[in-house]
N, C-alpha and C. Protein backbone atom coordinates (compact mmCIF):
# COMPACT_ATOMS: atom_id res chain seq x y z
N MET A 1 93.93 -243.60 -55.93
CA MET A 1 93.99 -242.55 -54.90
C MET A 1 93.94 -243.21 -53.53
N THR A 2 94.83 -242.83 -52.67
CA THR A 2 94.87 -243.38 -51.32
C THR A 2 94.59 -242.29 -50.31
N ILE A 3 93.93 -242.65 -49.26
CA ILE A 3 93.60 -241.71 -48.19
C ILE A 3 94.52 -242.02 -47.02
N PRO A 4 95.32 -241.08 -46.59
CA PRO A 4 96.24 -241.35 -45.49
C PRO A 4 95.51 -241.52 -44.16
N HIS A 5 96.22 -242.16 -43.25
CA HIS A 5 95.73 -242.33 -41.88
C HIS A 5 94.42 -243.13 -41.85
N THR A 6 94.29 -244.08 -42.71
CA THR A 6 93.12 -244.96 -42.69
C THR A 6 93.56 -246.35 -42.29
N HIS A 7 92.64 -247.06 -41.66
CA HIS A 7 92.92 -248.41 -41.20
C HIS A 7 91.84 -249.33 -41.75
N ALA A 8 92.19 -250.55 -41.98
CA ALA A 8 91.22 -251.54 -42.46
C ALA A 8 90.19 -251.81 -41.39
N LEU A 9 88.93 -251.84 -41.82
CA LEU A 9 87.85 -252.12 -40.87
C LEU A 9 87.88 -253.58 -40.45
N PRO A 10 87.58 -253.86 -39.21
CA PRO A 10 87.57 -255.27 -38.76
C PRO A 10 86.46 -256.05 -39.45
N GLN A 11 86.78 -257.23 -39.88
CA GLN A 11 85.79 -258.07 -40.53
C GLN A 11 84.86 -258.69 -39.49
N PRO A 12 83.55 -258.70 -39.78
CA PRO A 12 82.64 -259.31 -38.81
C PRO A 12 82.91 -260.80 -38.67
N THR A 13 82.81 -261.26 -37.45
CA THR A 13 83.02 -262.68 -37.17
C THR A 13 81.68 -263.37 -37.02
N HIS A 14 81.59 -264.60 -37.50
CA HIS A 14 80.38 -265.39 -37.42
C HIS A 14 80.65 -266.63 -36.58
N PRO A 15 79.62 -267.13 -35.93
CA PRO A 15 79.81 -268.37 -35.18
C PRO A 15 80.31 -269.49 -36.09
N ALA A 16 80.97 -270.46 -35.49
CA ALA A 16 81.63 -271.51 -36.28
C ALA A 16 80.63 -272.31 -37.09
N ARG A 17 79.43 -272.53 -36.57
CA ARG A 17 78.46 -273.37 -37.27
C ARG A 17 77.33 -272.55 -37.87
N SER A 18 77.58 -271.28 -38.06
CA SER A 18 76.56 -270.41 -38.65
C SER A 18 76.30 -270.80 -40.10
N GLY A 19 75.03 -270.95 -40.46
CA GLY A 19 74.65 -271.29 -41.83
C GLY A 19 74.58 -272.78 -42.10
N LEU A 20 75.04 -273.61 -41.18
CA LEU A 20 74.96 -275.06 -41.38
C LEU A 20 73.57 -275.56 -41.04
N PRO A 21 73.13 -276.66 -41.66
CA PRO A 21 71.81 -277.22 -41.33
C PRO A 21 71.74 -277.65 -39.86
N TRP A 22 70.53 -277.51 -39.33
CA TRP A 22 70.31 -277.93 -37.94
C TRP A 22 70.09 -279.45 -37.92
N THR A 23 70.69 -280.11 -36.94
CA THR A 23 70.53 -281.55 -36.77
C THR A 23 69.62 -281.83 -35.58
N SER A 24 69.25 -283.08 -35.43
CA SER A 24 68.41 -283.47 -34.29
C SER A 24 69.15 -283.24 -32.98
N ASP A 25 70.48 -283.41 -32.98
CA ASP A 25 71.25 -283.15 -31.76
C ASP A 25 71.22 -281.67 -31.41
N ASP A 26 71.22 -280.81 -32.42
CA ASP A 26 71.14 -279.37 -32.16
C ASP A 26 69.83 -279.02 -31.46
N TYR A 27 68.73 -279.57 -31.97
CA TYR A 27 67.43 -279.28 -31.35
C TYR A 27 67.35 -279.83 -29.94
N THR A 28 67.90 -281.05 -29.72
CA THR A 28 67.89 -281.63 -28.38
C THR A 28 68.71 -280.78 -27.42
N THR A 29 69.85 -280.31 -27.89
CA THR A 29 70.68 -279.45 -27.04
C THR A 29 69.99 -278.13 -26.76
N LEU A 30 69.32 -277.58 -27.75
CA LEU A 30 68.61 -276.32 -27.56
C LEU A 30 67.53 -276.46 -26.50
N VAL A 31 66.74 -277.52 -26.58
CA VAL A 31 65.67 -277.72 -25.60
C VAL A 31 66.27 -277.91 -24.20
N ARG A 32 67.37 -278.66 -24.10
CA ARG A 32 68.01 -278.89 -22.80
C ARG A 32 68.50 -277.58 -22.19
N LEU A 33 69.11 -276.74 -23.00
CA LEU A 33 69.62 -275.47 -22.49
C LEU A 33 68.48 -274.54 -22.05
N VAL A 34 67.37 -274.57 -22.80
CA VAL A 34 66.22 -273.75 -22.41
C VAL A 34 65.65 -274.25 -21.09
N ARG A 35 65.57 -275.57 -20.92
CA ARG A 35 65.08 -276.13 -19.66
C ARG A 35 65.98 -275.71 -18.48
N GLU A 36 67.27 -275.64 -18.73
CA GLU A 36 68.22 -275.31 -17.67
C GLU A 36 68.19 -273.82 -17.33
N GLY A 37 67.49 -273.02 -18.09
CA GLY A 37 67.40 -271.60 -17.79
C GLY A 37 68.52 -270.78 -18.36
N ARG A 38 69.23 -271.28 -19.36
CA ARG A 38 70.32 -270.52 -19.96
C ARG A 38 69.76 -269.32 -20.74
N ASP A 39 70.55 -268.26 -20.79
CA ASP A 39 70.12 -267.08 -21.55
C ASP A 39 70.55 -267.22 -23.01
N LEU A 40 70.22 -266.22 -23.81
CA LEU A 40 70.46 -266.30 -25.25
C LEU A 40 71.94 -266.41 -25.56
N GLY A 41 72.79 -265.63 -24.88
CA GLY A 41 74.22 -265.67 -25.17
C GLY A 41 74.82 -267.03 -24.88
N GLU A 42 74.42 -267.64 -23.79
CA GLU A 42 74.96 -268.95 -23.43
C GLU A 42 74.50 -270.02 -24.42
N ILE A 43 73.24 -269.92 -24.85
CA ILE A 43 72.73 -270.91 -25.82
C ILE A 43 73.48 -270.77 -27.14
N CYS A 44 73.69 -269.54 -27.59
CA CYS A 44 74.40 -269.33 -28.86
C CYS A 44 75.83 -269.86 -28.78
N ALA A 45 76.49 -269.63 -27.64
CA ALA A 45 77.86 -270.11 -27.48
C ALA A 45 77.92 -271.63 -27.47
N GLU A 46 76.97 -272.26 -26.81
CA GLU A 46 76.96 -273.72 -26.74
C GLU A 46 76.70 -274.35 -28.11
N LEU A 47 75.77 -273.77 -28.86
CA LEU A 47 75.42 -274.32 -30.17
C LEU A 47 76.31 -273.80 -31.29
N GLU A 48 77.11 -272.76 -30.99
CA GLU A 48 77.93 -272.12 -32.01
C GLU A 48 77.06 -271.61 -33.17
N ARG A 49 75.96 -270.98 -32.78
CA ARG A 49 75.00 -270.42 -33.73
C ARG A 49 74.79 -268.94 -33.44
N GLY A 50 74.24 -268.24 -34.43
CA GLY A 50 73.92 -266.84 -34.24
C GLY A 50 72.61 -266.64 -33.48
N GLU A 51 72.42 -265.42 -32.99
CA GLU A 51 71.21 -265.14 -32.20
C GLU A 51 69.95 -265.29 -33.04
N SER A 52 69.98 -264.82 -34.28
CA SER A 52 68.79 -264.89 -35.12
C SER A 52 68.38 -266.33 -35.36
N ALA A 53 69.36 -267.22 -35.58
CA ALA A 53 69.04 -268.63 -35.83
C ALA A 53 68.43 -269.27 -34.60
N VAL A 54 68.98 -268.97 -33.41
CA VAL A 54 68.45 -269.56 -32.18
C VAL A 54 67.05 -269.06 -31.90
N LEU A 55 66.83 -267.77 -32.03
CA LEU A 55 65.50 -267.21 -31.77
C LEU A 55 64.49 -267.72 -32.78
N ASP A 56 64.91 -267.89 -34.01
CA ASP A 56 63.99 -268.41 -35.03
C ASP A 56 63.56 -269.83 -34.70
N ARG A 57 64.49 -270.67 -34.24
CA ARG A 57 64.15 -272.06 -33.91
C ARG A 57 63.28 -272.14 -32.66
N THR A 58 63.58 -271.34 -31.66
CA THR A 58 62.75 -271.38 -30.45
C THR A 58 61.34 -270.87 -30.73
N ARG A 59 61.20 -269.90 -31.60
CA ARG A 59 59.85 -269.42 -31.94
C ARG A 59 59.08 -270.49 -32.70
N ARG A 60 59.74 -271.24 -33.57
CA ARG A 60 59.06 -272.30 -34.32
C ARG A 60 58.64 -273.45 -33.41
N MET A 61 59.21 -273.55 -32.22
CA MET A 61 58.81 -274.60 -31.28
C MET A 61 57.57 -274.21 -30.49
N LEU A 62 57.14 -272.98 -30.61
CA LEU A 62 55.95 -272.52 -29.89
C LEU A 62 54.68 -272.92 -30.64
N PRO A 63 53.53 -272.93 -29.95
CA PRO A 63 52.26 -273.14 -30.66
C PRO A 63 52.02 -272.05 -31.69
N LEU A 64 51.18 -272.37 -32.67
CA LEU A 64 50.95 -271.42 -33.77
C LEU A 64 50.43 -270.08 -33.27
N GLU A 65 49.54 -270.11 -32.29
CA GLU A 65 48.93 -268.87 -31.85
C GLU A 65 49.90 -267.96 -31.09
N GLU A 66 51.08 -268.46 -30.73
CA GLU A 66 52.04 -267.65 -29.98
C GLU A 66 53.22 -267.19 -30.84
N ARG A 67 53.29 -267.60 -32.07
CA ARG A 67 54.45 -267.27 -32.89
C ARG A 67 54.45 -265.83 -33.38
N GLY A 68 53.33 -265.16 -33.24
CA GLY A 68 53.28 -263.77 -33.69
C GLY A 68 53.82 -262.78 -32.67
N GLY A 69 54.21 -263.26 -31.48
CA GLY A 69 54.74 -262.37 -30.45
C GLY A 69 56.16 -261.93 -30.75
N PRO A 70 56.71 -261.07 -29.90
CA PRO A 70 58.10 -260.62 -30.09
C PRO A 70 59.07 -261.80 -30.11
N ARG A 71 60.00 -261.76 -31.03
CA ARG A 71 60.91 -262.89 -31.19
C ARG A 71 61.82 -263.05 -29.99
N ASP A 72 62.21 -261.93 -29.36
CA ASP A 72 63.13 -262.03 -28.22
C ASP A 72 62.46 -262.61 -26.98
N HIS A 73 61.13 -262.83 -27.03
CA HIS A 73 60.42 -263.47 -25.92
C HIS A 73 60.25 -264.96 -26.15
N SER A 74 60.72 -265.46 -27.28
CA SER A 74 60.43 -266.86 -27.62
C SER A 74 61.12 -267.84 -26.66
N ILE A 75 62.31 -267.52 -26.18
CA ILE A 75 62.99 -268.44 -25.25
C ILE A 75 62.22 -268.54 -23.95
N ALA A 76 61.77 -267.40 -23.42
CA ALA A 76 61.01 -267.42 -22.17
C ALA A 76 59.68 -268.15 -22.35
N ARG A 77 59.03 -267.96 -23.49
CA ARG A 77 57.75 -268.66 -23.73
C ARG A 77 57.97 -270.15 -23.86
N LEU A 78 59.03 -270.56 -24.56
CA LEU A 78 59.32 -271.98 -24.70
C LEU A 78 59.65 -272.59 -23.35
N ARG A 79 60.42 -271.89 -22.51
CA ARG A 79 60.74 -272.40 -21.18
C ARG A 79 59.48 -272.58 -20.34
N MET A 80 58.54 -271.66 -20.47
CA MET A 80 57.29 -271.77 -19.73
C MET A 80 56.54 -273.04 -20.12
N HIS A 81 56.46 -273.33 -21.43
CA HIS A 81 55.77 -274.55 -21.87
C HIS A 81 56.50 -275.80 -21.41
N LEU A 82 57.82 -275.79 -21.43
CA LEU A 82 58.59 -276.96 -21.00
C LEU A 82 58.45 -277.21 -19.51
N GLU A 83 58.36 -276.15 -18.72
CA GLU A 83 58.19 -276.32 -17.28
C GLU A 83 56.76 -276.73 -16.94
N LYS A 84 55.80 -276.20 -17.70
CA LYS A 84 54.40 -276.52 -17.43
C LYS A 84 54.06 -277.94 -17.84
N ASP A 85 54.64 -278.41 -18.93
CA ASP A 85 54.37 -279.75 -19.45
C ASP A 85 55.70 -280.42 -19.75
N PRO A 86 56.16 -281.32 -18.88
CA PRO A 86 57.44 -282.00 -19.13
C PRO A 86 57.45 -282.77 -20.45
N ASP A 87 56.29 -283.19 -20.91
CA ASP A 87 56.19 -283.94 -22.17
C ASP A 87 55.79 -283.04 -23.33
N TYR A 88 56.10 -281.78 -23.23
CA TYR A 88 55.73 -280.83 -24.30
C TYR A 88 56.35 -281.29 -25.63
N ASP A 89 55.51 -281.49 -26.62
CA ASP A 89 55.94 -282.03 -27.91
C ASP A 89 56.35 -280.88 -28.83
N TRP A 90 57.55 -280.40 -28.66
CA TRP A 90 58.02 -279.28 -29.45
C TRP A 90 58.25 -279.67 -30.92
N SER A 91 58.58 -280.95 -31.17
CA SER A 91 58.81 -281.38 -32.56
C SER A 91 57.52 -281.32 -33.38
N THR A 92 56.38 -281.66 -32.75
CA THR A 92 55.10 -281.56 -33.45
C THR A 92 54.75 -280.11 -33.72
N GLN A 93 55.05 -279.24 -32.78
CA GLN A 93 54.77 -277.82 -32.97
C GLN A 93 55.58 -277.25 -34.14
N MET A 94 56.82 -277.74 -34.30
CA MET A 94 57.64 -277.25 -35.40
C MET A 94 57.08 -277.66 -36.76
N CYS A 95 56.40 -278.82 -36.80
CA CYS A 95 55.84 -279.29 -38.07
C CYS A 95 54.50 -278.65 -38.39
N ALA A 96 53.89 -278.01 -37.38
CA ALA A 96 52.57 -277.41 -37.62
C ALA A 96 52.72 -276.18 -38.50
N LYS A 97 51.80 -276.05 -39.44
CA LYS A 97 51.81 -274.91 -40.36
C LYS A 97 50.52 -274.11 -40.18
N PRO A 98 50.61 -272.82 -40.28
CA PRO A 98 49.39 -272.01 -40.15
C PRO A 98 48.43 -272.28 -41.29
N PRO A 99 47.13 -272.16 -41.04
CA PRO A 99 46.16 -272.38 -42.13
C PRO A 99 46.32 -271.33 -43.20
N PRO A 100 45.97 -271.70 -44.42
CA PRO A 100 46.08 -270.71 -45.51
C PRO A 100 45.15 -269.53 -45.26
N PRO A 101 45.53 -268.36 -45.70
CA PRO A 101 44.67 -267.18 -45.49
C PRO A 101 43.36 -267.33 -46.24
N VAL A 102 42.32 -266.80 -45.63
CA VAL A 102 40.99 -266.85 -46.23
C VAL A 102 40.91 -265.79 -47.33
N TYR A 103 40.56 -266.25 -48.51
CA TYR A 103 40.45 -265.32 -49.64
C TYR A 103 39.08 -264.65 -49.60
N VAL A 104 39.10 -263.35 -49.54
CA VAL A 104 37.86 -262.57 -49.57
C VAL A 104 37.81 -261.85 -50.91
N PRO A 105 36.91 -262.27 -51.79
CA PRO A 105 36.86 -261.63 -53.11
C PRO A 105 36.49 -260.16 -52.98
N PRO A 106 37.04 -259.33 -53.83
CA PRO A 106 36.71 -257.90 -53.76
C PRO A 106 35.26 -257.65 -54.14
N ILE A 107 34.69 -256.66 -53.49
CA ILE A 107 33.30 -256.28 -53.77
C ILE A 107 33.29 -255.30 -54.93
N ILE A 108 32.69 -255.71 -56.03
CA ILE A 108 32.62 -254.88 -57.23
C ILE A 108 31.22 -254.28 -57.31
N LYS A 109 31.16 -252.97 -57.39
CA LYS A 109 29.88 -252.28 -57.44
C LYS A 109 29.58 -251.86 -58.88
N GLY A 110 28.34 -251.42 -59.09
CA GLY A 110 27.94 -250.94 -60.39
C GLY A 110 27.66 -252.08 -61.37
N ILE A 111 27.74 -251.78 -62.65
CA ILE A 111 27.46 -252.76 -63.69
C ILE A 111 28.45 -253.92 -63.61
N GLY A 112 29.71 -253.62 -63.29
CA GLY A 112 30.71 -254.67 -63.21
C GLY A 112 30.46 -255.68 -62.11
N GLY A 113 29.66 -255.32 -61.10
CA GLY A 113 29.36 -256.24 -60.01
C GLY A 113 28.18 -257.15 -60.27
N LEU A 114 27.49 -256.99 -61.40
CA LEU A 114 26.33 -257.82 -61.72
C LEU A 114 26.78 -259.16 -62.30
N ALA A 115 25.95 -260.17 -62.07
CA ALA A 115 26.19 -261.48 -62.68
C ALA A 115 25.90 -261.40 -64.17
N ASP A 116 26.37 -262.39 -64.91
CA ASP A 116 26.19 -262.38 -66.36
C ASP A 116 24.71 -262.33 -66.74
N ASP A 117 23.89 -263.12 -66.05
CA ASP A 117 22.46 -263.14 -66.37
C ASP A 117 21.82 -261.76 -66.15
N ASP A 118 22.26 -261.09 -65.08
CA ASP A 118 21.69 -259.77 -64.80
C ASP A 118 22.13 -258.74 -65.83
N VAL A 119 23.38 -258.83 -66.27
CA VAL A 119 23.86 -257.91 -67.30
C VAL A 119 23.07 -258.10 -68.59
N VAL A 120 22.82 -259.35 -68.96
CA VAL A 120 22.05 -259.63 -70.17
C VAL A 120 20.62 -259.13 -70.03
N ALA A 121 20.03 -259.31 -68.85
CA ALA A 121 18.65 -258.86 -68.64
C ALA A 121 18.56 -257.33 -68.77
N VAL A 122 19.51 -256.60 -68.16
CA VAL A 122 19.50 -255.14 -68.27
C VAL A 122 19.72 -254.71 -69.72
N ALA A 123 20.62 -255.39 -70.41
CA ALA A 123 20.88 -255.04 -71.81
C ALA A 123 19.64 -255.27 -72.67
N CYS A 124 18.88 -256.34 -72.41
CA CYS A 124 17.64 -256.58 -73.16
C CYS A 124 16.63 -255.46 -72.94
N LEU A 125 16.50 -255.01 -71.70
CA LEU A 125 15.57 -253.91 -71.42
C LEU A 125 15.99 -252.63 -72.14
N LEU A 126 17.30 -252.35 -72.14
CA LEU A 126 17.77 -251.15 -72.83
C LEU A 126 17.60 -251.27 -74.34
N ALA A 127 17.75 -252.49 -74.87
CA ALA A 127 17.55 -252.68 -76.30
C ALA A 127 16.09 -252.48 -76.69
N ASP A 128 15.16 -252.90 -75.82
CA ASP A 128 13.74 -252.72 -76.09
C ASP A 128 13.31 -251.27 -75.89
N ARG A 129 13.91 -250.59 -74.94
CA ARG A 129 13.52 -249.20 -74.62
C ARG A 129 14.78 -248.32 -74.65
N PRO A 130 15.29 -248.00 -75.81
CA PRO A 130 16.56 -247.28 -75.91
C PRO A 130 16.53 -245.87 -75.33
N TYR A 131 15.33 -245.27 -75.21
CA TYR A 131 15.25 -243.91 -74.69
C TYR A 131 14.86 -243.87 -73.23
N ALA A 132 14.81 -245.01 -72.58
CA ALA A 132 14.39 -245.06 -71.19
C ALA A 132 15.54 -244.83 -70.22
N ALA A 133 16.77 -244.73 -70.72
CA ALA A 133 17.93 -244.57 -69.84
C ALA A 133 18.92 -243.65 -70.54
N PRO A 134 19.78 -243.00 -69.77
CA PRO A 134 20.77 -242.09 -70.37
C PRO A 134 21.79 -242.85 -71.21
N THR A 135 22.42 -242.15 -72.10
CA THR A 135 23.40 -242.77 -73.00
C THR A 135 24.58 -243.35 -72.24
N SER A 136 24.96 -242.71 -71.13
CA SER A 136 26.09 -243.22 -70.35
C SER A 136 25.82 -244.62 -69.83
N LEU A 137 24.55 -244.88 -69.44
CA LEU A 137 24.21 -246.22 -68.96
C LEU A 137 24.28 -247.23 -70.11
N HIS A 138 23.82 -246.84 -71.27
CA HIS A 138 23.92 -247.71 -72.44
C HIS A 138 25.38 -248.09 -72.69
N ARG A 139 26.25 -247.11 -72.65
CA ARG A 139 27.66 -247.38 -72.92
C ARG A 139 28.24 -248.37 -71.92
N ARG A 140 27.95 -248.16 -70.63
CA ARG A 140 28.53 -249.04 -69.61
C ARG A 140 27.99 -250.46 -69.73
N VAL A 141 26.68 -250.59 -69.98
CA VAL A 141 26.08 -251.92 -70.04
C VAL A 141 26.60 -252.70 -71.25
N PHE A 142 26.56 -252.08 -72.41
CA PHE A 142 26.96 -252.82 -73.61
C PHE A 142 28.47 -252.98 -73.70
N ARG A 143 29.22 -252.10 -73.04
CA ARG A 143 30.67 -252.34 -72.94
C ARG A 143 30.92 -253.58 -72.09
N GLU A 144 30.14 -253.74 -71.03
CA GLU A 144 30.27 -254.94 -70.18
C GLU A 144 29.86 -256.19 -70.94
N VAL A 145 28.85 -256.08 -71.79
CA VAL A 145 28.43 -257.22 -72.62
C VAL A 145 29.57 -257.65 -73.54
N ARG A 146 30.22 -256.68 -74.17
CA ARG A 146 31.33 -257.02 -75.07
C ARG A 146 32.52 -257.57 -74.31
N THR A 147 32.83 -256.99 -73.16
CA THR A 147 33.98 -257.44 -72.39
C THR A 147 33.82 -258.88 -71.93
N ARG A 148 32.62 -259.23 -71.52
CA ARG A 148 32.38 -260.59 -71.01
C ARG A 148 32.06 -261.59 -72.11
N GLY A 149 31.97 -261.12 -73.35
CA GLY A 149 31.65 -262.05 -74.43
C GLY A 149 30.22 -262.55 -74.38
N LEU A 150 29.27 -261.68 -74.03
CA LEU A 150 27.87 -262.08 -73.87
C LEU A 150 27.01 -261.67 -75.06
N ARG A 151 27.63 -261.30 -76.18
CA ARG A 151 26.85 -260.84 -77.32
C ARG A 151 25.90 -261.91 -77.82
N ARG A 152 26.38 -263.14 -78.00
CA ARG A 152 25.51 -264.21 -78.50
C ARG A 152 24.39 -264.50 -77.53
N THR A 153 24.69 -264.50 -76.25
CA THR A 153 23.66 -264.75 -75.24
C THR A 153 22.61 -263.65 -75.27
N LEU A 154 23.07 -262.40 -75.40
CA LEU A 154 22.13 -261.29 -75.47
C LEU A 154 21.24 -261.39 -76.70
N GLU A 155 21.81 -261.73 -77.86
CA GLU A 155 21.02 -261.85 -79.08
C GLU A 155 19.96 -262.93 -78.94
N ALA A 156 20.37 -264.09 -78.40
CA ALA A 156 19.42 -265.20 -78.27
C ALA A 156 18.29 -264.83 -77.31
N GLN A 157 18.60 -264.18 -76.19
CA GLN A 157 17.56 -263.84 -75.22
C GLN A 157 16.67 -262.73 -75.76
N TRP A 158 17.25 -261.78 -76.48
CA TRP A 158 16.43 -260.69 -77.02
C TRP A 158 15.49 -261.23 -78.09
N ILE A 159 15.97 -262.12 -78.96
CA ILE A 159 15.11 -262.72 -79.99
C ILE A 159 14.00 -263.53 -79.36
N GLN A 160 14.33 -264.30 -78.31
CA GLN A 160 13.30 -265.09 -77.64
C GLN A 160 12.24 -264.19 -77.02
N GLY A 161 12.66 -263.09 -76.39
CA GLY A 161 11.68 -262.17 -75.81
C GLY A 161 10.83 -261.50 -76.87
N ALA A 162 11.45 -261.15 -78.01
CA ALA A 162 10.67 -260.54 -79.09
C ALA A 162 9.64 -261.50 -79.65
N GLN A 163 10.00 -262.77 -79.78
CA GLN A 163 9.06 -263.77 -80.27
C GLN A 163 7.89 -263.96 -79.30
N GLU A 164 8.20 -263.99 -78.01
CA GLU A 164 7.12 -264.14 -77.01
C GLU A 164 6.19 -262.93 -77.03
N ASN A 165 6.76 -261.73 -77.17
CA ASN A 165 5.90 -260.54 -77.24
C ASN A 165 5.04 -260.55 -78.49
N LEU A 166 5.61 -260.99 -79.61
CA LEU A 166 4.85 -261.05 -80.85
C LEU A 166 3.70 -262.05 -80.74
N GLU A 167 3.97 -263.22 -80.17
CA GLU A 167 2.91 -264.21 -79.99
C GLU A 167 1.82 -263.69 -79.06
N ARG A 168 2.21 -262.94 -78.03
CA ARG A 168 1.22 -262.40 -77.11
C ARG A 168 0.33 -261.38 -77.82
N VAL A 169 0.95 -260.55 -78.67
CA VAL A 169 0.17 -259.54 -79.38
C VAL A 169 -0.77 -260.19 -80.38
N ILE A 170 -0.28 -261.21 -81.11
CA ILE A 170 -1.10 -261.86 -82.13
C ILE A 170 -2.27 -262.59 -81.51
N ASP A 171 -2.06 -263.21 -80.37
CA ASP A 171 -3.10 -264.03 -79.74
C ASP A 171 -4.08 -263.22 -78.91
N THR A 172 -3.91 -261.92 -78.79
CA THR A 172 -4.81 -261.10 -77.99
C THR A 172 -6.09 -260.81 -78.76
N ASP A 173 -7.24 -261.02 -78.11
CA ASP A 173 -8.55 -260.74 -78.72
C ASP A 173 -8.90 -259.28 -78.41
N TYR A 174 -8.51 -258.38 -79.31
CA TYR A 174 -8.71 -256.96 -79.05
C TYR A 174 -10.18 -256.57 -79.11
N ASP A 175 -10.97 -257.24 -79.95
CA ASP A 175 -12.40 -256.90 -80.01
C ASP A 175 -13.06 -257.18 -78.68
N CYS A 176 -12.74 -258.31 -78.10
CA CYS A 176 -13.32 -258.65 -76.80
C CYS A 176 -12.82 -257.70 -75.73
N TYR A 177 -11.57 -257.31 -75.84
CA TYR A 177 -10.98 -256.45 -74.81
C TYR A 177 -11.60 -255.05 -74.85
N TYR A 178 -11.65 -254.45 -76.06
CA TYR A 178 -12.17 -253.10 -76.14
C TYR A 178 -13.68 -253.07 -76.01
N GLY A 179 -14.37 -254.18 -76.26
CA GLY A 179 -15.81 -254.19 -76.12
C GLY A 179 -16.28 -254.50 -74.73
N HIS A 180 -15.36 -254.71 -73.82
CA HIS A 180 -15.73 -255.05 -72.45
C HIS A 180 -16.37 -253.84 -71.78
N PRO A 181 -17.43 -254.03 -70.95
CA PRO A 181 -18.11 -252.88 -70.32
C PRO A 181 -17.20 -252.08 -69.40
N ASP A 182 -16.13 -252.68 -68.90
CA ASP A 182 -15.23 -251.95 -68.00
C ASP A 182 -14.17 -251.16 -68.75
N TYR A 183 -14.27 -251.14 -70.10
CA TYR A 183 -13.30 -250.38 -70.87
C TYR A 183 -13.93 -249.07 -71.33
N PRO A 184 -13.30 -247.97 -71.26
CA PRO A 184 -11.93 -247.76 -70.76
C PRO A 184 -11.90 -247.81 -69.24
N PRO A 185 -10.75 -247.90 -68.65
CA PRO A 185 -10.66 -247.92 -67.19
C PRO A 185 -11.22 -246.65 -66.59
N VAL A 186 -11.56 -246.75 -65.31
CA VAL A 186 -12.19 -245.62 -64.62
C VAL A 186 -11.32 -244.38 -64.67
N TYR A 187 -10.00 -244.57 -64.50
CA TYR A 187 -9.14 -243.40 -64.45
C TYR A 187 -9.03 -242.72 -65.80
N GLU A 188 -9.52 -243.36 -66.89
CA GLU A 188 -9.47 -242.73 -68.21
C GLU A 188 -10.80 -242.10 -68.60
N ARG A 189 -11.87 -242.41 -67.87
CA ARG A 189 -13.20 -241.95 -68.29
C ARG A 189 -13.37 -240.45 -68.08
N ASP A 190 -12.70 -239.89 -67.10
CA ASP A 190 -12.87 -238.47 -66.79
C ASP A 190 -11.75 -237.61 -67.37
N TRP A 191 -10.99 -238.18 -68.29
CA TRP A 191 -9.92 -237.39 -68.88
C TRP A 191 -10.53 -236.26 -69.73
N PRO A 192 -9.85 -235.10 -69.79
CA PRO A 192 -10.34 -234.02 -70.67
C PRO A 192 -10.34 -234.46 -72.13
N ALA A 193 -11.18 -233.80 -72.90
CA ALA A 193 -11.29 -234.16 -74.31
C ALA A 193 -9.99 -233.91 -75.06
N SER A 194 -9.19 -232.97 -74.55
CA SER A 194 -7.93 -232.67 -75.23
C SER A 194 -6.98 -233.86 -75.19
N TYR A 195 -7.14 -234.74 -74.18
CA TYR A 195 -6.28 -235.90 -74.09
C TYR A 195 -6.52 -236.86 -75.24
N ALA A 196 -7.72 -236.82 -75.78
CA ALA A 196 -8.06 -237.72 -76.88
C ALA A 196 -7.61 -237.18 -78.23
N THR A 197 -7.13 -235.94 -78.26
CA THR A 197 -6.67 -235.36 -79.52
C THR A 197 -5.40 -236.04 -79.98
N PRO A 198 -5.40 -236.52 -81.20
CA PRO A 198 -4.18 -237.21 -81.65
C PRO A 198 -3.01 -236.26 -81.71
N GLU A 199 -1.84 -236.78 -81.41
CA GLU A 199 -0.63 -235.98 -81.45
C GLU A 199 -0.24 -235.71 -82.90
N PRO A 200 0.42 -234.60 -83.13
CA PRO A 200 0.83 -234.30 -84.52
C PRO A 200 1.85 -235.32 -85.01
N ASP A 201 1.89 -235.46 -86.31
CA ASP A 201 2.80 -236.44 -86.93
C ASP A 201 4.17 -235.77 -87.06
N TYR A 202 5.03 -236.03 -86.04
CA TYR A 202 6.34 -235.44 -86.06
C TYR A 202 7.20 -236.11 -87.13
N PRO A 203 8.13 -235.39 -87.69
CA PRO A 203 8.92 -235.95 -88.81
C PRO A 203 9.79 -237.13 -88.39
N TRP A 204 10.15 -237.26 -87.11
CA TRP A 204 10.98 -238.39 -86.77
C TRP A 204 10.19 -239.66 -86.60
């Protein structure tokens, strides 16, 4: 299908040396033209390069702290440095690289933000006192234990704590403790008699 009264669109033209590698003579010519006060069009015509390539090279000749400015101001900024310092070392500036970005680790809150030792410690407390915390907390803590592969560490620490508690209970001299004149404590001496009534034996 052909459309009448149509004309071929003009093909865009590129500078003769567009896309070719830059040589040392190109950079020397660029610096000379900037010193002479030539504008962007004149520099592009002299180097036979496109505007983007010229502006990119002039911006790379600036100090690192000035490269974030508008690209179309790079020629004026480079001219200012060349006029201020005749020995301005633009080649060294081109080799300078910005420092790597500082990595800031994300802040993780909740159980996931605890260190491994803290997760194991919390899990040991929940294992010793299963009714001291809601079930949702149990799920989150022990899910974190499984995810991090801390099951063996938790078992070893819980067994060690159980052994220490058992040794403490076995080695306690209860006769000496209960026979002490300060027993029971003062806050227990005035308790009502109903407090001493044993609780019923619930089926659980």
